[in-house]
Amino acid sequence: FAVSVCKGLSVGRARAGHCLTAGVYFGGFQMLMPLAGYLLGVRF
């Protein structure tokens, strides 16, 4: 969220595409990383 605010600061005028891109990248990675961690388990 904090990085998204910073991205919004740097872009000037935010369009829906900017918001969608940030949501997909950050939301996607926040979804995939715990899944990867779950699959890797305690081993690593």
All heavy atoms as atom14 arrays in JSON, in Angstrom:
{
  "sequence": "FAVSVCKGLSVGRARAGHCLTAGVYFGGFQMLMPLAGYLLGVRF",
  "atom14_mask": [
    [1, 1, 1, 1, 1, 1, 1, 1, 1, 1, 1, 0, 0, 0],
    [1, 1, 1, 1, 1, 0, 0, 0, 0, 0, 0, 0, 0, 0],
    [1, 1, 1, 1, 1, 1, 1, 0, 0, 0, 0, 0, 0, 0],
    [1, 1, 1, 1, 1, 1, 0, 0, 0, 0, 0, 0, 0, 0],
    [1, 1, 1, 1, 1, 1, 1, 0, 0, 0, 0, 0, 0, 0],
    [1, 1, 1, 1, 1, 1, 0, 0, 0, 0, 0, 0, 0, 0],
    [1, 1, 1, 1, 1, 1, 1, 1, 1, 0, 0, 0, 0, 0],
    [1, 1, 1, 1, 0, 0, 0, 0, 0, 0, 0, 0, 0, 0],
    [1, 1, 1, 1, 1, 1, 1, 1, 0, 0, 0, 0, 0, 0],
    [1, 1, 1, 1, 1, 1, 0, 0, 0, 0, 0, 0, 0, 0],
    [1, 1, 1, 1, 1, 1, 1, 0, 0, 0, 0, 0, 0, 0],
    [1, 1, 1, 1, 0, 0, 0, 0, 0, 0, 0, 0, 0, 0],
    [1, 1, 1, 1, 1, 1, 1, 1, 1, 1, 1, 0, 0, 0],
    [1, 1, 1, 1, 1, 0, 0, 0, 0, 0, 0, 0, 0, 0],
    [1, 1, 1, 1, 1, 1, 1, 1, 1, 1, 1, 0, 0, 0],
    [1, 1, 1, 1, 1, 0, 0, 0, 0, 0, 0, 0, 0, 0],
    [1, 1, 1, 1, 0, 0, 0, 0, 0, 0, 0, 0, 0, 0],
    [1, 1, 1, 1, 1, 1, 1, 1, 1, 1, 0, 0, 0, 0],
    [1, 1, 1, 1, 1, 1, 0, 0, 0, 0, 0, 0, 0, 0],
    [1, 1, 1, 1, 1, 1, 1, 1, 0, 0, 0, 0, 0, 0],
    [1, 1, 1, 1, 1, 1, 1, 0, 0, 0, 0, 0, 0, 0],
    [1, 1, 1, 1, 1, 0, 0, 0, 0, 0, 0, 0, 0, 0],
    [1, 1, 1, 1, 0, 0, 0, 0, 0, 0, 0, 0, 0, 0],
    [1, 1, 1, 1, 1, 1, 1, 0, 0, 0, 0, 0, 0, 0],
    [1, 1, 1, 1, 1, 1, 1, 1, 1, 1, 1, 1, 0, 0],
    [1, 1, 1, 1, 1, 1, 1, 1, 1, 1, 1, 0, 0, 0],
    [1, 1, 1, 1, 0, 0, 0, 0, 0, 0, 0, 0, 0, 0],
    [1, 1, 1, 1, 0, 0, 0, 0, 0, 0, 0, 0, 0, 0],
    [1, 1, 1, 1, 1, 1, 1, 1, 1, 1, 1, 0, 0, 0],
    [1, 1, 1, 1, 1, 1, 1, 1, 1, 0, 0, 0, 0, 0],
    [1, 1, 1, 1, 1, 1, 1, 1, 0, 0, 0, 0, 0, 0],
    [1, 1, 1, 1, 1, 1, 1, 1, 0, 0, 0, 0, 0, 0],
    [1, 1, 1, 1, 1, 1, 1, 1, 0, 0, 0, 0, 0, 0],
    [1, 1, 1, 1, 1, 1, 1, 0, 0, 0, 0, 0, 0, 0],
    [1, 1, 1, 1, 1, 1, 1, 1, 0, 0, 0, 0, 0, 0],
    [1, 1, 1, 1, 1, 0, 0, 0, 0, 0, 0, 0, 0, 0],
    [1, 1, 1, 1, 0, 0, 0, 0, 0, 0, 0, 0, 0, 0],
    [1, 1, 1, 1, 1, 1, 1, 1, 1, 1, 1, 1, 0, 0],
    [1, 1, 1, 1, 1, 1, 1, 1, 0, 0, 0, 0, 0, 0],
    [1, 1, 1, 1, 1, 1, 1, 1, 0, 0, 0, 0, 0, 0],
    [1, 1, 1, 1, 0, 0, 0, 0, 0, 0, 0, 0, 0, 0],
    [1, 1, 1, 1, 1, 1, 1, 0, 0, 0, 0, 0, 0, 0],
    [1, 1, 1, 1, 1, 1, 1, 1, 1, 1, 1, 0, 0, 0],
    [1, 1, 1, 1, 1, 1, 1, 1, 1, 1, 1, 0, 0, 0]
  ],
  "atom14_positions": [
    [[0.83, -1.2, 0.0], [0.0, 0.0, 0.0], [0.87, 1.25, 0.0], [0.64, 2.18, -0.78], [-0.94, 0.0, 1.21], [-1.7, 1.29, 1.39], [-2.78, 1.59, 0.57], [-1.34, 2.19, 2.37], [-3.48, 2.77, 0.73], [-2.03, 3.39, 2.54], [-3.11, 3.68, 1.71], [0.0, 0.0, 0.0], [0.0, 0.0, 0.0], [0.0, 0.0, 0.0]],
    [[1.89, 1.27, 0.87], [2.78, 2.44, 0.94], [3.5, 2.65, -0.39], [3.64, 3.79, -0.86], [3.79, 2.27, 2.07], [0.0, 0.0, 0.0], [0.0, 0.0, 0.0], [0.0, 0.0, 0.0], [0.0, 0.0, 0.0], [0.0, 0.0, 0.0], [0.0, 0.0, 0.0], [0.0, 0.0, 0.0], [0.0, 0.0, 0.0], [0.0, 0.0, 0.0]],
    [[3.96, 1.57, -1.02], [4.63, 1.69, -2.31], [3.64, 2.16, -3.37], [3.99, 2.97, -4.24], [5.31, 0.36, -2.71], [5.84, 0.42, -4.13], [6.44, 0.04, -1.74], [0.0, 0.0, 0.0], [0.0, 0.0, 0.0], [0.0, 0.0, 0.0], [0.0, 0.0, 0.0], [0.0, 0.0, 0.0], [0.0, 0.0, 0.0], [0.0, 0.0, 0.0]],
    [[2.4, 1.71, -3.3], [1.38, 2.16, -4.25], [1.13, 3.66, -4.12], [0.95, 4.35, -5.12], [0.08, 1.38, -4.04], [0.26, 0.03, -4.34], [0.0, 0.0, 0.0], [0.0, 0.0, 0.0], [0.0, 0.0, 0.0], [0.0, 0.0, 0.0], [0.0, 0.0, 0.0], [0.0, 0.0, 0.0], [0.0, 0.0, 0.0], [0.0, 0.0, 0.0]],
    [[1.11, 4.14, -2.9], [0.97, 5.59, -2.69], [2.15, 6.3, -3.34], [1.97, 7.31, -4.03], [0.85, 5.93, -1.18], [0.94, 7.43, -0.95], [-0.44, 5.37, -0.6], [0.0, 0.0, 0.0], [0.0, 0.0, 0.0], [0.0, 0.0, 0.0], [0.0, 0.0, 0.0], [0.0, 0.0, 0.0], [0.0, 0.0, 0.0], [0.0, 0.0, 0.0]],
    [[3.35, 5.77, -3.16], [4.54, 6.38, -3.78], [4.46, 6.34, -5.3], [4.85, 7.29, -5.98], [5.8, 5.66, -3.31], [6.15, 5.92, -1.55], [0.0, 0.0, 0.0], [0.0, 0.0, 0.0], [0.0, 0.0, 0.0], [0.0, 0.0, 0.0], [0.0, 0.0, 0.0], [0.0, 0.0, 0.0], [0.0, 0.0, 0.0], [0.0, 0.0, 0.0]],
    [[3.96, 5.24, -5.86], [3.79, 5.16, -7.31], [2.79, 6.21, -7.78], [2.98, 6.85, -8.8], [3.32, 3.76, -7.75], [4.35, 2.66, -7.57], [5.6, 2.89, -8.37], [5.39, 2.57, -9.84], [6.62, 2.73, -10.61], [0.0, 0.0, 0.0], [0.0, 0.0, 0.0], [0.0, 0.0, 0.0], [0.0, 0.0, 0.0], [0.0, 0.0, 0.0]],
    [[1.72, 6.39, -7.02], [0.74, 7.42, -7.35], [1.33, 8.81, -7.28], [1.03, 9.67, -8.12], [0.0, 0.0, 0.0], [0.0, 0.0, 0.0], [0.0, 0.0, 0.0], [0.0, 0.0, 0.0], [0.0, 0.0, 0.0], [0.0, 0.0, 0.0], [0.0, 0.0, 0.0], [0.0, 0.0, 0.0], [0.0, 0.0, 0.0], [0.0, 0.0, 0.0]],
    [[2.22, 9.04, -6.32], [2.9, 10.33, -6.21], [3.72, 10.61, -7.45], [3.78, 11.73, -7.94], [3.84, 10.34, -5.0], [3.22, 10.4, -3.62], [4.28, 10.16, -2.55], [2.55, 11.74, -3.4], [0.0, 0.0, 0.0], [0.0, 0.0, 0.0], [0.0, 0.0, 0.0], [0.0, 0.0, 0.0], [0.0, 0.0, 0.0], [0.0, 0.0, 0.0]],
    [[4.37, 9.58, -7.97], [5.28, 9.78, -9.09], [4.59, 9.86, -10.44], [5.15, 10.38, -11.39], [6.34, 8.66, -9.12], [5.74, 7.43, -9.45], [0.0, 0.0, 0.0], [0.0, 0.0, 0.0], [0.0, 0.0, 0.0], [0.0, 0.0, 0.0], [0.0, 0.0, 0.0], [0.0, 0.0, 0.0], [0.0, 0.0, 0.0], [0.0, 0.0, 0.0]],
    [[3.38, 9.35, -10.55], [2.72, 9.29, -11.85], [2.0, 10.58, -12.22], [1.75, 10.84, -13.38], [1.78, 8.07, -11.94], [0.49, 8.31, -11.19], [1.51, 7.7, -13.37], [0.0, 0.0, 0.0], [0.0, 0.0, 0.0], [0.0, 0.0, 0.0], [0.0, 0.0, 0.0], [0.0, 0.0, 0.0], [0.0, 0.0, 0.0], [0.0, 0.0, 0.0]],
    [[1.7, 11.41, -11.25], [0.98, 12.65, -11.55], [-0.51, 12.41, -11.54], [-1.14, 12.47, -10.51], [0.0, 0.0, 0.0], [0.0, 0.0, 0.0], [0.0, 0.0, 0.0], [0.0, 0.0, 0.0], [0.0, 0.0, 0.0], [0.0, 0.0, 0.0], [0.0, 0.0, 0.0], [0.0, 0.0, 0.0], [0.0, 0.0, 0.0], [0.0, 0.0, 0.0]],
    [[-1.07, 12.09, -12.69], [-2.5, 11.82, -12.8], [-2.7, 10.32, -12.95], [-2.32, 9.73, -13.97], [-3.09, 12.57, -13.99], [-4.56, 12.33, -14.17], [-5.15, 13.37, -15.12], [-6.38, 12.94, -15.74], [-7.53, 12.79, -15.13], [-7.61, 12.98, -13.83], [-8.6, 12.42, -15.78], [0.0, 0.0, 0.0], [0.0, 0.0, 0.0], [0.0, 0.0, 0.0]],
    [[-3.31, 9.7, -11.96], [-3.53, 8.25, -11.98], [-4.76, 7.92, -12.82], [-5.79, 8.57, -12.7], [-3.71, 7.72, -10.57], [0.0, 0.0, 0.0], [0.0, 0.0, 0.0], [0.0, 0.0, 0.0], [0.0, 0.0, 0.0], [0.0, 0.0, 0.0], [0.0, 0.0, 0.0], [0.0, 0.0, 0.0], [0.0, 0.0, 0.0], [0.0, 0.0, 0.0]],
    [[-4.59, 6.94, -13.66], [-5.71, 6.41, -14.45], [-6.07, 5.04, -13.87], [-5.31, 4.46, -13.1], [-5.31, 6.3, -15.92], [-5.04, 7.66, -16.56], [-4.77, 7.55, -18.05], [-3.69, 6.63, -18.38], [-2.41, 6.96, -18.5], [-2.05, 8.22, -18.31], [-1.5, 6.07, -18.82], [0.0, 0.0, 0.0], [0.0, 0.0, 0.0], [0.0, 0.0, 0.0]],
    [[-7.21, 4.53, -14.29], [-7.64, 3.21, -13.82], [-6.6, 2.15, -14.14], [-6.39, 1.22, -13.37], [-9.0, 2.85, -14.43], [0.0, 0.0, 0.0], [0.0, 0.0, 0.0], [0.0, 0.0, 0.0], [0.0, 0.0, 0.0], [0.0, 0.0, 0.0], [0.0, 0.0, 0.0], [0.0, 0.0, 0.0], [0.0, 0.0, 0.0], [0.0, 0.0, 0.0]],
    [[-5.91, 2.28, -15.27], [-4.88, 1.32, -15.65], [-3.72, 1.3, -14.66], [-3.15, 0.23, -14.39], [0.0, 0.0, 0.0], [0.0, 0.0, 0.0], [0.0, 0.0, 0.0], [0.0, 0.0, 0.0], [0.0, 0.0, 0.0], [0.0, 0.0, 0.0], [0.0, 0.0, 0.0], [0.0, 0.0, 0.0], [0.0, 0.0, 0.0], [0.0, 0.0, 0.0]],
    [[-3.35, 2.47, -14.13], [-2.29, 2.52, -13.12], [-2.73, 1.77, -11.86], [-1.96, 0.98, -11.29], [-1.96, 3.97, -12.74], [-1.35, 4.75, -13.85], [-1.88, 5.94, -14.26], [-0.27, 4.52, -14.62], [-1.14, 6.43, -15.25], [-0.16, 5.57, -15.5], [0.0, 0.0, 0.0], [0.0, 0.0, 0.0], [0.0, 0.0, 0.0], [0.0, 0.0, 0.0]],
    [[-3.95, 2.04, -11.43], [-4.47, 1.39, -10.22], [-4.58, -0.12, -10.43], [-4.22, -0.9, -9.53], [-5.84, 1.97, -9.87], [-5.81, 3.74, -9.48], [0.0, 0.0, 0.0], [0.0, 0.0, 0.0], [0.0, 0.0, 0.0], [0.0, 0.0, 0.0], [0.0, 0.0, 0.0], [0.0, 0.0, 0.0], [0.0, 0.0, 0.0], [0.0, 0.0, 0.0]],
    [[-5.06, -0.52, -11.6], [-5.19, -1.94, -11.91], [-3.83, -2.63, -11.94], [-3.65, -3.71, -11.37], [-5.9, -2.12, -13.25], [-6.09, -3.56, -13.72], [-7.01, -4.32, -12.78], [-6.66, -3.57, -15.14], [0.0, 0.0, 0.0], [0.0, 0.0, 0.0], [0.0, 0.0, 0.0], [0.0, 0.0, 0.0], [0.0, 0.0, 0.0], [0.0, 0.0, 0.0]],
    [[-2.85, -1.99, -12.56], [-1.51, -2.56, -12.64], [-0.92, -2.76, -11.25], [-0.39, -3.83, -10.94], [-0.59, -1.68, -13.49], [-1.14, -1.59, -14.82], [0.82, -2.24, -13.57], [0.0, 0.0, 0.0], [0.0, 0.0, 0.0], [0.0, 0.0, 0.0], [0.0, 0.0, 0.0], [0.0, 0.0, 0.0], [0.0, 0.0, 0.0], [0.0, 0.0, 0.0]],
    [[-1.01, -1.74, -10.4], [-0.48, -1.87, -9.04], [-1.22, -2.97, -8.28], [-0.59, -3.79, -7.6], [-0.59, -0.54, -8.3], [0.0, 0.0, 0.0], [0.0, 0.0, 0.0], [0.0, 0.0, 0.0], [0.0, 0.0, 0.0], [0.0, 0.0, 0.0], [0.0, 0.0, 0.0], [0.0, 0.0, 0.0], [0.0, 0.0, 0.0], [0.0, 0.0, 0.0]],
    [[-2.53, -2.99, -8.41], [-3.31, -4.01, -7.73], [-2.96, -5.42, -8.17], [-2.81, -6.33, -7.35], [0.0, 0.0, 0.0], [0.0, 0.0, 0.0], [0.0, 0.0, 0.0], [0.0, 0.0, 0.0], [0.0, 0.0, 0.0], [0.0, 0.0, 0.0], [0.0, 0.0, 0.0], [0.0, 0.0, 0.0], [0.0, 0.0, 0.0], [0.0, 0.0, 0.0]],
    [[-2.78, -5.6, -9.48], [-2.47, -6.93, -10.01], [-1.07, -7.37, -9.58], [-0.87, -8.5, -9.12], [-2.62, -6.96, -11.55], [-1.99, -8.21, -12.14], [-4.09, -6.88, -11.93], [0.0, 0.0, 0.0], [0.0, 0.0, 0.0], [0.0, 0.0, 0.0], [0.0, 0.0, 0.0], [0.0, 0.0, 0.0], [0.0, 0.0, 0.0], [0.0, 0.0, 0.0]],
    [[-0.07, -6.48, -9.73], [1.29, -6.86, -9.34], [1.39, -7.15, -7.84], [1.85, -8.21, -7.43], [2.3, -5.77, -9.72], [2.87, -5.97, -11.09], [2.33, -5.34, -12.19], [3.97, -6.8, -11.29], [2.85, -5.52, -13.46], [4.51, -6.99, -12.55], [3.94, -6.35, -13.63], [4.46, -6.54, -14.88], [0.0, 0.0, 0.0], [0.0, 0.0, 0.0]],
    [[0.97, -6.19, -7.04], [1.13, -6.35, -5.59], [0.19, -7.41, -5.04], [0.6, -8.24, -4.24], [0.94, -5.01, -4.88], [2.0, -4.01, -5.23], [1.66, -2.75, -5.69], [3.34, -4.32, -5.11], [2.64, -1.82, -6.02], [4.32, -3.4, -5.43], [3.97, -2.14, -5.89], [0.0, 0.0, 0.0], [0.0, 0.0, 0.0], [0.0, 0.0, 0.0]],
    [[-1.06, -7.4, -5.46], [-2.01, -8.42, -5.01], [-1.61, -9.8, -5.48], [-1.7, -10.78, -4.73], [0.0, 0.0, 0.0], [0.0, 0.0, 0.0], [0.0, 0.0, 0.0], [0.0, 0.0, 0.0], [0.0, 0.0, 0.0], [0.0, 0.0, 0.0], [0.0, 0.0, 0.0], [0.0, 0.0, 0.0], [0.0, 0.0, 0.0], [0.0, 0.0, 0.0]],
    [[-1.13, -9.89, -6.73], [-0.7, -11.18, -7.26], [0.48, -11.75, -6.5], [0.48, -12.93, -6.14], [0.0, 0.0, 0.0], [0.0, 0.0, 0.0], [0.0, 0.0, 0.0], [0.0, 0.0, 0.0], [0.0, 0.0, 0.0], [0.0, 0.0, 0.0], [0.0, 0.0, 0.0], [0.0, 0.0, 0.0], [0.0, 0.0, 0.0], [0.0, 0.0, 0.0]],
    [[1.47, -10.92, -6.23], [2.63, -11.41, -5.49], [2.3, -11.7, -4.03], [2.83, -12.65, -3.45], [3.82, -10.45, -5.6], [4.68, -10.74, -6.79], [4.36, -10.24, -8.04], [5.8, -11.55, -6.67], [5.13, -10.53, -9.15], [6.59, -11.85, -7.77], [6.25, -11.33, -9.02], [0.0, 0.0, 0.0], [0.0, 0.0, 0.0], [0.0, 0.0, 0.0]],
    [[1.41, -10.9, -3.44], [1.0, -11.18, -2.06], [0.19, -12.47, -1.99], [0.07, -13.07, -0.93], [0.19, -10.02, -1.48], [0.99, -8.79, -1.2], [1.96, -8.92, -0.04], [2.03, -9.93, 0.64], [2.72, -7.87, 0.19], [0.0, 0.0, 0.0], [0.0, 0.0, 0.0], [0.0, 0.0, 0.0], [0.0, 0.0, 0.0], [0.0, 0.0, 0.0]],
    [[-0.37, -12.89, -3.11], [-1.09, -14.15, -3.16], [-0.14, -15.31, -3.46], [-0.23, -16.38, -2.83], [-2.18, -14.08, -4.23], [-3.04, -15.3, -4.32], [-4.4, -15.11, -5.48], [-3.53, -15.06, -7.03], [0.0, 0.0, 0.0], [0.0, 0.0, 0.0], [0.0, 0.0, 0.0], [0.0, 0.0, 0.0], [0.0, 0.0, 0.0], [0.0, 0.0, 0.0]],
    [[0.78, -15.11, -4.39], [1.67, -16.2, -4.79], [2.75, -16.52, -3.77], [3.11, -17.69, -3.59], [2.33, -15.86, -6.13], [1.41, -15.85, -7.34], [2.15, -15.38, -8.58], [0.78, -17.21, -7.56], [0.0, 0.0, 0.0], [0.0, 0.0, 0.0], [0.0, 0.0, 0.0], [0.0, 0.0, 0.0], [0.0, 0.0, 0.0], [0.0, 0.0, 0.0]],
    [[3.28, -15.51, -3.1], [4.38, -15.76, -2.16], [3.96, -16.62, -0.97], [4.69, -17.55, -0.61], [5.0, -14.44, -1.71], [5.75, -13.73, -2.82], [7.16, -14.65, -3.42], [8.47, -13.61, -2.83], [0.0, 0.0, 0.0], [0.0, 0.0, 0.0], [0.0, 0.0, 0.0], [0.0, 0.0, 0.0], [0.0, 0.0, 0.0], [0.0, 0.0, 0.0]],
    [[2.8, -16.38, -0.32], [2.45, -17.29, 0.77], [2.16, -18.71, 0.25], [2.43, -19.69, 0.94], [1.21, -16.68, 1.41], [0.87, -15.48, 0.67], [1.9, -15.25, -0.39], [0.0, 0.0, 0.0], [0.0, 0.0, 0.0], [0.0, 0.0, 0.0], [0.0, 0.0, 0.0], [0.0, 0.0, 0.0], [0.0, 0.0, 0.0], [0.0, 0.0, 0.0]],
    [[1.64, -18.82, -0.96], [1.42, -20.14, -1.54], [2.75, -20.85, -1.76], [2.9, -22.03, -1.4], [0.65, -20.02, -2.86], [0.34, -21.33, -3.57], [-0.51, -22.24, -2.69], [-0.37, -21.04, -4.89], [0.0, 0.0, 0.0], [0.0, 0.0, 0.0], [0.0, 0.0, 0.0], [0.0, 0.0, 0.0], [0.0, 0.0, 0.0], [0.0, 0.0, 0.0]],
    [[3.73, -20.12, -2.29], [5.07, -20.7, -2.47], [5.68, -21.08, -1.12], [6.27, -22.16, -0.98], [5.98, -19.72, -3.21], [0.0, 0.0, 0.0], [0.0, 0.0, 0.0], [0.0, 0.0, 0.0], [0.0, 0.0, 0.0], [0.0, 0.0, 0.0], [0.0, 0.0, 0.0], [0.0, 0.0, 0.0], [0.0, 0.0, 0.0], [0.0, 0.0, 0.0]],
    [[5.53, -20.21, -0.12], [6.05, -20.51, 1.21], [5.39, -21.73, 1.81], [6.05, -22.57, 2.42], [0.0, 0.0, 0.0], [0.0, 0.0, 0.0], [0.0, 0.0, 0.0], [0.0, 0.0, 0.0], [0.0, 0.0, 0.0], [0.0, 0.0, 0.0], [0.0, 0.0, 0.0], [0.0, 0.0, 0.0], [0.0, 0.0, 0.0], [0.0, 0.0, 0.0]],
    [[4.11, -21.83, 1.6], [3.36, -22.99, 2.09], [3.89, -24.27, 1.44], [4.11, -25.28, 2.12], [1.88, -22.81, 1.78], [0.99, -23.93, 2.24], [0.52, -23.97, 3.54], [0.6, -24.94, 1.36], [-0.3, -24.99, 3.96], [-0.21, -25.96, 1.77], [-0.67, -25.98, 3.07], [-1.48, -27.0, 3.49], [0.0, 0.0, 0.0], [0.0, 0.0, 0.0]],
    [[4.11, -24.22, 0.13], [4.58, -25.39, -0.59], [6.02, -25.76, -0.22], [6.38, -26.93, -0.17], [4.45, -25.17, -2.1], [3.0, -25.01, -2.61], [2.99, -24.65, -4.08], [2.18, -26.25, -2.33], [0.0, 0.0, 0.0], [0.0, 0.0, 0.0], [0.0, 0.0, 0.0], [0.0, 0.0, 0.0], [0.0, 0.0, 0.0], [0.0, 0.0, 0.0]],
    [[6.84, -24.75, 0.03], [8.22, -25.03, 0.42], [8.31, -25.54, 1.85], [9.22, -26.3, 2.19], [9.08, -23.78, 0.27], [9.34, -23.31, -1.15], [10.04, -21.97, -1.14], [10.14, -24.34, -1.92], [0.0, 0.0, 0.0], [0.0, 0.0, 0.0], [0.0, 0.0, 0.0], [0.0, 0.0, 0.0], [0.0, 0.0, 0.0], [0.0, 0.0, 0.0]],
    [[7.37, -25.07, 2.68], [7.33, -25.5, 4.07], [8.57, -25.12, 4.85], [9.26, -24.15, 4.54], [0.0, 0.0, 0.0], [0.0, 0.0, 0.0], [0.0, 0.0, 0.0], [0.0, 0.0, 0.0], [0.0, 0.0, 0.0], [0.0, 0.0, 0.0], [0.0, 0.0, 0.0], [0.0, 0.0, 0.0], [0.0, 0.0, 0.0], [0.0, 0.0, 0.0]],
    [[8.86, -25.89, 5.82], [9.93, -25.57, 6.74], [11.31, -25.86, 6.14], [12.32, -25.37, 6.64], [9.72, -26.33, 8.06], [10.02, -27.8, 7.91], [10.54, -25.71, 9.18], [0.0, 0.0, 0.0], [0.0, 0.0, 0.0], [0.0, 0.0, 0.0], [0.0, 0.0, 0.0], [0.0, 0.0, 0.0], [0.0, 0.0, 0.0], [0.0, 0.0, 0.0]],
    [[11.37, -26.61, 5.07], [12.66, -27.05, 4.51], [13.62, -25.9, 4.22], [14.81, -25.99, 4.49], [12.41, -27.85, 3.25], [13.66, -28.42, 2.68], [13.35, -29.36, 1.55], [14.59, -29.9, 1.04], [14.68, -30.57, -0.06], [13.61, -30.78, -0.78], [15.83, -31.02, -0.47], [0.0, 0.0, 0.0], [0.0, 0.0, 0.0], [0.0, 0.0, 0.0]],
    [[13.1, -24.81, 3.66], [13.97, -23.7, 3.28], [13.77, -22.46, 4.14], [14.25, -21.39, 3.8], [13.74, -23.33, 1.8], [14.11, -24.43, 0.87], [13.12, -25.14, 0.2], [15.43, -24.77, 0.66], [13.45, -26.17, -0.66], [15.77, -25.79, -0.21], [14.77, -26.5, -0.87], [0.0, 0.0, 0.0], [0.0, 0.0, 0.0], [0.0, 0.0, 0.0]]
  ]
}
